[in-house]
Amino acid sequence: MLQVALYEPEIPPNTGNIMRLCANTGCPLHLIKPLGFTLEDKQLRRAGLDYREFSKVRVHESLKAMTSALNNPRIWTLSTRGTRNYTEASFSDGDVLLFGPETRGLPATILDELGVHRCLRVPMFPDSRSLNLSNATALVLYEGLRQQGFPGMA
């Protein structure tokens, strides 16, 4: 199964929507601190509806702590600075899709550390800043699941 990781997410409704997405696809969600909200935030609960109890959510102190806990999985970063379209990637079971905070994206240090060959982007018009985090997550996650034949999904 693919996994989704949010690095320092800031906006509760986006994270709530992604919790719902992960609950409906069976994909674990990893939240990397610091978070811009608490897991009890009203907006988070409202966006996630009652799916929180069905999602597999883990909170990690750092990116390093997450990679260690997951035994160093292959990580795909998503950034407007990426040069490869997300549809060009070949996703595998256990891969992690790593998204950055809504207002600033993933830091260049993380993108450099994880490698340009695993930095993907969602195509947009040249003057566009970015897509909404939950929309971008859904696009990329469903492409990965499509490549795997939608495992366990009807």
N, C-alpha and C. Protein backbone atom coordinates (compact mmCIF):
# COMPACT_ATOMS: atom_id res chain seq x y z
N MET A 1 0.85 -1.18 0.00
CA MET A 1 0.00 0.00 0.00
C MET A 1 0.89 1.24 0.00
N LEU A 2 0.47 2.23 -0.73
CA LEU A 2 1.16 3.52 -0.69
C LEU A 2 0.88 4.21 0.64
N GLN A 3 1.77 5.12 1.00
CA GLN A 3 1.61 5.88 2.23
C GLN A 3 1.72 7.36 1.92
N VAL A 4 1.00 8.17 2.69
CA VAL A 4 1.02 9.62 2.51
C VAL A 4 1.67 10.23 3.74
N ALA A 5 2.55 11.20 3.52
CA ALA A 5 3.18 11.92 4.62
C ALA A 5 3.03 13.41 4.39
N LEU A 6 2.63 14.12 5.44
CA LEU A 6 2.51 15.57 5.40
C LEU A 6 3.57 16.14 6.32
N TYR A 7 4.47 16.91 5.74
CA TYR A 7 5.55 17.54 6.49
C TYR A 7 5.07 18.90 7.00
N GLU A 8 4.98 19.01 8.31
CA GLU A 8 4.59 20.26 8.97
C GLU A 8 3.31 20.87 8.40
N PRO A 9 2.22 20.08 8.32
CA PRO A 9 0.97 20.64 7.78
C PRO A 9 0.46 21.79 8.65
N GLU A 10 -0.18 22.75 7.99
CA GLU A 10 -0.60 23.97 8.68
C GLU A 10 -2.10 24.17 8.77
N ILE A 11 -2.84 23.68 7.80
CA ILE A 11 -4.27 24.02 7.69
C ILE A 11 -5.13 22.80 8.03
N PRO A 12 -5.86 22.87 9.14
CA PRO A 12 -6.63 21.71 9.61
C PRO A 12 -7.58 21.09 8.58
N PRO A 13 -8.37 21.90 7.82
CA PRO A 13 -9.28 21.26 6.87
C PRO A 13 -8.56 20.44 5.79
N ASN A 14 -7.39 20.89 5.35
CA ASN A 14 -6.63 20.11 4.37
C ASN A 14 -6.25 18.75 4.94
N THR A 15 -5.73 18.76 6.16
CA THR A 15 -5.34 17.50 6.79
C THR A 15 -6.56 16.62 7.03
N GLY A 16 -7.68 17.22 7.43
CA GLY A 16 -8.91 16.45 7.61
C GLY A 16 -9.37 15.80 6.32
N ASN A 17 -9.31 16.54 5.22
CA ASN A 17 -9.67 15.98 3.91
C ASN A 17 -8.74 14.83 3.53
N ILE A 18 -7.46 14.99 3.83
CA ILE A 18 -6.49 13.93 3.50
C ILE A 18 -6.69 12.72 4.40
N MET A 19 -7.09 12.93 5.65
CA MET A 19 -7.44 11.80 6.53
C MET A 19 -8.59 11.00 5.91
N ARG A 20 -9.57 11.71 5.42
CA ARG A 20 -10.72 11.06 4.79
C ARG A 20 -10.28 10.30 3.54
N LEU A 21 -9.42 10.93 2.72
CA LEU A 21 -8.87 10.28 1.53
C LEU A 21 -8.15 8.99 1.91
N CYS A 22 -7.30 9.06 2.92
CA CYS A 22 -6.54 7.88 3.34
C CYS A 22 -7.45 6.80 3.93
N ALA A 23 -8.46 7.20 4.67
CA ALA A 23 -9.40 6.22 5.22
C ALA A 23 -10.12 5.48 4.09
N ASN A 24 -10.47 6.20 3.02
CA ASN A 24 -11.21 5.59 1.92
C ASN A 24 -10.34 4.78 0.97
N THR A 25 -9.03 4.92 1.09
CA THR A 25 -8.13 4.15 0.22
C THR A 25 -7.31 3.12 1.00
N GLY A 26 -7.41 3.15 2.31
CA GLY A 26 -6.64 2.22 3.14
C GLY A 26 -5.17 2.58 3.28
N CYS A 27 -4.81 3.77 2.86
CA CYS A 27 -3.40 4.20 2.90
C CYS A 27 -3.09 4.88 4.23
N PRO A 28 -2.01 4.49 4.88
CA PRO A 28 -1.61 5.17 6.12
C PRO A 28 -1.24 6.63 5.86
N LEU A 29 -1.51 7.46 6.87
CA LEU A 29 -1.17 8.87 6.82
C LEU A 29 -0.17 9.16 7.93
N HIS A 30 0.92 9.81 7.57
CA HIS A 30 1.97 10.18 8.53
C HIS A 30 2.02 11.69 8.61
N LEU A 31 1.94 12.22 9.82
CA LEU A 31 2.03 13.65 10.06
C LEU A 31 3.35 13.93 10.74
N ILE A 32 4.13 14.84 10.16
CA ILE A 32 5.46 15.15 10.68
C ILE A 32 5.42 16.51 11.37
N LYS A 33 5.80 16.53 12.63
CA LYS A 33 5.76 17.75 13.45
C LYS A 33 6.82 18.75 13.01
N PRO A 34 6.54 20.02 13.36
CA PRO A 34 5.41 20.52 14.13
C PRO A 34 4.16 20.66 13.27
N LEU A 35 3.02 20.44 13.89
CA LEU A 35 1.73 20.59 13.23
C LEU A 35 1.21 21.99 13.52
N GLY A 36 0.49 22.56 12.58
CA GLY A 36 -0.09 23.89 12.77
C GLY A 36 -1.42 23.86 13.47
N PHE A 37 -1.74 22.76 14.15
CA PHE A 37 -3.02 22.56 14.79
C PHE A 37 -2.88 21.36 15.72
N THR A 38 -3.92 21.07 16.48
CA THR A 38 -3.94 19.84 17.27
C THR A 38 -4.85 18.84 16.57
N LEU A 39 -4.70 17.59 16.89
CA LEU A 39 -5.56 16.57 16.28
C LEU A 39 -7.00 16.66 16.78
N GLU A 40 -7.23 17.49 17.77
CA GLU A 40 -8.59 17.70 18.29
C GLU A 40 -9.22 18.95 17.70
N ASP A 41 -8.55 19.62 16.79
CA ASP A 41 -9.04 20.86 16.19
C ASP A 41 -10.41 20.63 15.55
N LYS A 42 -11.36 21.56 15.80
CA LYS A 42 -12.72 21.44 15.27
C LYS A 42 -12.75 21.39 13.74
N GLN A 43 -11.93 22.23 13.11
CA GLN A 43 -11.91 22.26 11.64
C GLN A 43 -11.36 20.95 11.07
N LEU A 44 -10.39 20.37 11.74
CA LEU A 44 -9.84 19.09 11.32
C LEU A 44 -10.90 18.00 11.42
N ARG A 45 -11.58 17.96 12.56
CA ARG A 45 -12.63 16.95 12.76
C ARG A 45 -13.76 17.13 11.77
N ARG A 46 -14.13 18.39 11.50
CA ARG A 46 -15.23 18.64 10.57
C ARG A 46 -14.88 18.18 9.16
N ALA A 47 -13.67 18.50 8.69
CA ALA A 47 -13.25 18.11 7.34
C ALA A 47 -13.10 16.60 7.24
N GLY A 48 -12.62 15.96 8.30
CA GLY A 48 -12.43 14.52 8.28
C GLY A 48 -13.68 13.74 8.57
N LEU A 49 -14.74 14.45 8.98
CA LEU A 49 -16.02 13.86 9.36
C LEU A 49 -15.76 12.73 10.35
N ASP A 50 -16.40 11.61 10.17
CA ASP A 50 -16.19 10.50 11.10
C ASP A 50 -15.15 9.51 10.57
N TYR A 51 -14.34 9.93 9.62
CA TYR A 51 -13.35 9.04 9.03
C TYR A 51 -12.09 8.91 9.88
N ARG A 52 -11.91 9.80 10.86
CA ARG A 52 -10.70 9.76 11.70
C ARG A 52 -10.53 8.38 12.33
N GLU A 53 -11.65 7.79 12.76
CA GLU A 53 -11.56 6.48 13.41
C GLU A 53 -11.19 5.37 12.42
N PHE A 54 -11.35 5.62 11.12
CA PHE A 54 -11.01 4.61 10.12
C PHE A 54 -9.65 4.84 9.48
N SER A 55 -9.02 5.99 9.78
CA SER A 55 -7.72 6.26 9.17
C SER A 55 -6.61 5.76 10.08
N LYS A 56 -5.54 5.38 9.42
CA LYS A 56 -4.32 4.96 10.12
C LYS A 56 -3.40 6.17 10.13
N VAL A 57 -3.45 6.93 11.21
CA VAL A 57 -2.68 8.17 11.31
C VAL A 57 -1.59 7.98 12.36
N ARG A 58 -0.36 8.31 11.97
CA ARG A 58 0.77 8.30 12.91
C ARG A 58 1.42 9.67 12.88
N VAL A 59 1.79 10.15 14.05
CA VAL A 59 2.46 11.43 14.18
C VAL A 59 3.93 11.15 14.50
N HIS A 60 4.82 11.84 13.79
CA HIS A 60 6.26 11.65 13.97
C HIS A 60 6.90 12.97 14.38
N GLU A 61 7.93 12.88 15.18
CA GLU A 61 8.64 14.07 15.66
C GLU A 61 9.43 14.76 14.55
N SER A 62 9.85 14.01 13.54
CA SER A 62 10.68 14.56 12.46
C SER A 62 10.59 13.65 11.25
N LEU A 63 11.10 14.14 10.12
CA LEU A 63 11.17 13.32 8.92
C LEU A 63 12.08 12.12 9.16
N LYS A 64 13.19 12.36 9.82
CA LYS A 64 14.12 11.27 10.13
C LYS A 64 13.45 10.20 11.00
N ALA A 65 12.66 10.63 11.98
CA ALA A 65 11.95 9.67 12.83
C ALA A 65 10.96 8.84 12.02
N MET A 66 10.28 9.47 11.07
CA MET A 66 9.34 8.73 10.22
C MET A 66 10.07 7.72 9.35
N THR A 67 11.14 8.15 8.68
CA THR A 67 11.85 7.22 7.80
C THR A 67 12.43 6.05 8.59
N SER A 68 12.89 6.33 9.79
CA SER A 68 13.42 5.26 10.64
C SER A 68 12.31 4.29 11.05
N ALA A 69 11.16 4.83 11.46
CA ALA A 69 10.03 3.98 11.88
C ALA A 69 9.52 3.12 10.74
N LEU A 70 9.66 3.61 9.50
CA LEU A 70 9.17 2.87 8.33
C LEU A 70 10.28 2.07 7.64
N ASN A 71 11.43 1.94 8.28
CA ASN A 71 12.57 1.19 7.73
C ASN A 71 13.05 1.74 6.40
N ASN A 72 13.20 3.07 6.35
CA ASN A 72 13.77 3.76 5.19
C ASN A 72 13.08 3.43 3.86
N PRO A 73 11.81 3.79 3.75
CA PRO A 73 11.08 3.51 2.50
C PRO A 73 11.55 4.43 1.37
N ARG A 74 11.13 4.09 0.17
CA ARG A 74 11.36 5.00 -0.96
C ARG A 74 10.38 6.15 -0.81
N ILE A 75 10.90 7.37 -0.88
CA ILE A 75 10.08 8.56 -0.70
C ILE A 75 10.05 9.37 -1.98
N TRP A 76 8.84 9.71 -2.40
CA TRP A 76 8.63 10.60 -3.54
C TRP A 76 8.23 11.95 -2.96
N THR A 77 8.92 13.01 -3.33
CA THR A 77 8.54 14.34 -2.89
C THR A 77 7.68 14.99 -3.97
N LEU A 78 6.78 15.85 -3.54
CA LEU A 78 5.91 16.58 -4.46
C LEU A 78 6.16 18.06 -4.24
N SER A 79 6.49 18.74 -5.32
CA SER A 79 6.85 20.15 -5.21
C SER A 79 6.63 20.85 -6.55
N THR A 80 6.29 22.14 -6.46
CA THR A 80 6.21 22.93 -7.68
C THR A 80 7.59 23.09 -8.30
N ARG A 81 8.64 22.78 -7.54
CA ARG A 81 10.01 22.85 -8.05
C ARG A 81 10.43 21.55 -8.75
N GLY A 82 9.57 20.53 -8.72
CA GLY A 82 9.88 19.28 -9.40
C GLY A 82 9.93 19.47 -10.90
N THR A 83 10.66 18.60 -11.58
CA THR A 83 10.76 18.70 -13.04
C THR A 83 10.06 17.54 -13.74
N ARG A 84 9.72 16.49 -12.99
CA ARG A 84 9.02 15.34 -13.58
C ARG A 84 7.54 15.37 -13.21
N ASN A 85 6.72 15.05 -14.18
CA ASN A 85 5.29 14.92 -13.96
C ASN A 85 5.03 13.70 -13.08
N TYR A 86 4.09 13.80 -12.15
CA TYR A 86 3.79 12.69 -11.25
C TYR A 86 3.37 11.42 -12.00
N THR A 87 2.85 11.55 -13.22
CA THR A 87 2.43 10.38 -13.99
C THR A 87 3.62 9.64 -14.60
N GLU A 88 4.82 10.22 -14.55
CA GLU A 88 6.02 9.58 -15.07
C GLU A 88 6.67 8.64 -14.05
N ALA A 89 6.24 8.72 -12.81
CA ALA A 89 6.82 7.89 -11.75
C ALA A 89 6.20 6.50 -11.79
N SER A 90 6.97 5.51 -11.37
CA SER A 90 6.47 4.14 -11.20
C SER A 90 6.41 3.87 -9.70
N PHE A 91 5.21 3.94 -9.17
CA PHE A 91 5.02 3.78 -7.73
C PHE A 91 4.97 2.30 -7.36
N SER A 92 5.49 2.00 -6.18
CA SER A 92 5.54 0.63 -5.68
C SER A 92 4.91 0.54 -4.29
N ASP A 93 4.53 -0.66 -3.92
CA ASP A 93 3.98 -0.91 -2.60
C ASP A 93 4.97 -0.43 -1.54
N GLY A 94 4.47 0.32 -0.56
CA GLY A 94 5.32 0.83 0.51
C GLY A 94 5.90 2.20 0.27
N ASP A 95 5.82 2.71 -0.96
CA ASP A 95 6.34 4.05 -1.24
C ASP A 95 5.60 5.09 -0.40
N VAL A 96 6.31 6.16 -0.09
CA VAL A 96 5.73 7.28 0.65
C VAL A 96 5.65 8.49 -0.28
N LEU A 97 4.50 9.14 -0.29
CA LEU A 97 4.30 10.38 -1.03
C LEU A 97 4.41 11.51 0.00
N LEU A 98 5.45 12.32 -0.10
CA LEU A 98 5.73 13.36 0.89
C LEU A 98 5.35 14.74 0.35
N PHE A 99 4.45 15.41 1.07
CA PHE A 99 3.98 16.74 0.71
C PHE A 99 4.39 17.73 1.78
N GLY A 100 4.69 18.96 1.37
CA GLY A 100 5.12 19.99 2.30
C GLY A 100 3.99 20.84 2.82
N PRO A 101 4.34 21.80 3.69
CA PRO A 101 3.33 22.69 4.26
C PRO A 101 2.70 23.58 3.18
N GLU A 102 1.46 23.94 3.43
CA GLU A 102 0.67 24.65 2.44
C GLU A 102 1.26 25.99 2.01
N THR A 103 1.85 26.73 2.93
CA THR A 103 2.30 28.08 2.60
C THR A 103 3.70 28.16 2.02
N ARG A 104 4.48 27.08 2.14
CA ARG A 104 5.87 27.17 1.67
C ARG A 104 6.40 25.93 0.99
N GLY A 105 5.67 24.84 1.00
CA GLY A 105 6.16 23.62 0.36
C GLY A 105 7.33 23.00 1.12
N LEU A 106 7.87 21.94 0.55
CA LEU A 106 9.00 21.27 1.19
C LEU A 106 10.26 22.13 1.10
N PRO A 107 11.04 22.16 2.16
CA PRO A 107 12.30 22.92 2.11
C PRO A 107 13.26 22.35 1.07
N ALA A 108 14.05 23.23 0.47
CA ALA A 108 15.04 22.82 -0.53
C ALA A 108 16.00 21.79 0.03
N THR A 109 16.32 21.87 1.32
CA THR A 109 17.25 20.91 1.92
C THR A 109 16.68 19.49 1.85
N ILE A 110 15.39 19.34 2.07
CA ILE A 110 14.76 18.01 1.98
C ILE A 110 14.71 17.54 0.53
N LEU A 111 14.34 18.43 -0.37
CA LEU A 111 14.29 18.06 -1.79
C LEU A 111 15.67 17.62 -2.27
N ASP A 112 16.71 18.35 -1.87
CA ASP A 112 18.07 18.00 -2.27
C ASP A 112 18.49 16.67 -1.66
N GLU A 113 18.19 16.49 -0.38
CA GLU A 113 18.59 15.27 0.32
C GLU A 113 17.94 14.03 -0.27
N LEU A 114 16.67 14.13 -0.63
CA LEU A 114 15.95 12.96 -1.15
C LEU A 114 16.15 12.77 -2.65
N GLY A 115 16.65 13.78 -3.33
CA GLY A 115 17.03 13.61 -4.73
C GLY A 115 16.04 14.15 -5.74
N VAL A 116 16.59 14.83 -6.74
CA VAL A 116 15.78 15.42 -7.79
C VAL A 116 15.05 14.35 -8.60
N HIS A 117 15.61 13.15 -8.70
CA HIS A 117 14.98 12.07 -9.47
C HIS A 117 13.69 11.57 -8.84
N ARG A 118 13.44 11.91 -7.58
CA ARG A 118 12.20 11.52 -6.91
C ARG A 118 11.33 12.72 -6.57
N CYS A 119 11.63 13.86 -7.18
CA CYS A 119 10.84 15.07 -6.94
C CYS A 119 9.87 15.25 -8.11
N LEU A 120 8.59 15.14 -7.81
CA LEU A 120 7.54 15.18 -8.82
C LEU A 120 6.72 16.45 -8.70
N ARG A 121 6.03 16.76 -9.78
CA ARG A 121 5.15 17.91 -9.78
C ARG A 121 3.84 17.58 -10.48
N VAL A 122 2.82 18.35 -10.16
CA VAL A 122 1.53 18.28 -10.84
C VAL A 122 1.55 19.41 -11.87
N PRO A 123 1.30 19.11 -13.16
CA PRO A 123 1.34 20.15 -14.19
C PRO A 123 0.29 21.23 -13.94
N MET A 124 0.70 22.46 -14.18
CA MET A 124 -0.18 23.62 -14.05
C MET A 124 0.26 24.68 -15.05
N PHE A 125 -0.55 25.69 -15.24
CA PHE A 125 -0.14 26.82 -16.06
C PHE A 125 1.07 27.49 -15.41
N PRO A 126 1.97 28.06 -16.22
CA PRO A 126 3.22 28.62 -15.69
C PRO A 126 3.07 29.67 -14.59
N ASP A 127 2.03 30.47 -14.63
CA ASP A 127 1.88 31.52 -13.62
C ASP A 127 1.12 31.06 -12.37
N SER A 128 0.77 29.79 -12.30
CA SER A 128 0.06 29.27 -11.13
C SER A 128 1.04 29.01 -10.00
N ARG A 129 0.60 29.28 -8.77
CA ARG A 129 1.48 29.05 -7.61
C ARG A 129 1.47 27.59 -7.19
N SER A 130 0.26 27.05 -6.93
CA SER A 130 0.17 25.66 -6.50
C SER A 130 -1.29 25.25 -6.42
N LEU A 131 -1.51 23.95 -6.33
CA LEU A 131 -2.84 23.42 -6.09
C LEU A 131 -3.07 23.33 -4.59
N ASN A 132 -4.31 23.19 -4.20
CA ASN A 132 -4.63 22.92 -2.81
C ASN A 132 -3.99 21.59 -2.41
N LEU A 133 -3.46 21.52 -1.20
CA LEU A 133 -2.75 20.33 -0.73
C LEU A 133 -3.60 19.07 -0.82
N SER A 134 -4.84 19.13 -0.38
CA SER A 134 -5.66 17.91 -0.41
C SER A 134 -5.99 17.49 -1.84
N ASN A 135 -6.14 18.45 -2.75
CA ASN A 135 -6.38 18.10 -4.15
C ASN A 135 -5.15 17.44 -4.77
N ALA A 136 -3.99 18.02 -4.53
CA ALA A 136 -2.75 17.45 -5.09
C ALA A 136 -2.51 16.05 -4.53
N THR A 137 -2.76 15.88 -3.25
CA THR A 137 -2.57 14.57 -2.63
C THR A 137 -3.48 13.53 -3.28
N ALA A 138 -4.74 13.90 -3.49
CA ALA A 138 -5.68 12.96 -4.11
C ALA A 138 -5.25 12.59 -5.52
N LEU A 139 -4.82 13.57 -6.32
CA LEU A 139 -4.38 13.28 -7.68
C LEU A 139 -3.24 12.26 -7.71
N VAL A 140 -2.21 12.55 -6.93
CA VAL A 140 -1.01 11.71 -6.97
C VAL A 140 -1.28 10.35 -6.34
N LEU A 141 -1.99 10.32 -5.23
CA LEU A 141 -2.29 9.04 -4.59
C LEU A 141 -3.10 8.13 -5.51
N TYR A 142 -4.12 8.69 -6.16
CA TYR A 142 -4.93 7.86 -7.05
C TYR A 142 -4.16 7.39 -8.28
N GLU A 143 -3.20 8.17 -8.75
CA GLU A 143 -2.35 7.69 -9.84
C GLU A 143 -1.54 6.49 -9.38
N GLY A 144 -0.96 6.59 -8.19
CA GLY A 144 -0.19 5.47 -7.65
C GLY A 144 -1.06 4.23 -7.45
N LEU A 145 -2.25 4.43 -6.93
CA LEU A 145 -3.17 3.30 -6.73
C LEU A 145 -3.62 2.71 -8.06
N ARG A 146 -3.84 3.57 -9.06
CA ARG A 146 -4.21 3.08 -10.39
C ARG A 146 -3.10 2.19 -10.94
N GLN A 147 -1.86 2.63 -10.78
CA GLN A 147 -0.73 1.83 -11.27
C GLN A 147 -0.66 0.47 -10.60
N GLN A 148 -1.13 0.39 -9.38
CA GLN A 148 -1.10 -0.87 -8.63
C GLN A 148 -2.39 -1.67 -8.77
N GLY A 149 -3.29 -1.20 -9.62
CA GLY A 149 -4.55 -1.93 -9.83
C GLY A 149 -5.57 -1.70 -8.73
N PHE A 150 -5.50 -0.58 -8.04
CA PHE A 150 -6.41 -0.25 -6.94
C PHE A 150 -6.53 -1.41 -5.95
N PRO A 151 -5.43 -1.76 -5.28
CA PRO A 151 -5.41 -2.93 -4.40
C PRO A 151 -6.46 -2.85 -3.28
N GLY A 152 -7.28 -3.90 -3.20
CA GLY A 152 -8.29 -4.00 -2.16
C GLY A 152 -9.48 -3.08 -2.34
N MET A 153 -9.53 -2.32 -3.42
CA MET A 153 -10.62 -1.38 -3.63
C MET A 153 -11.63 -1.94 -4.64
N ALA A 154 -12.89 -1.60 -4.41
CA ALA A 154 -13.93 -2.07 -5.33
C ALA A 154 -14.21 -1.02 -6.39
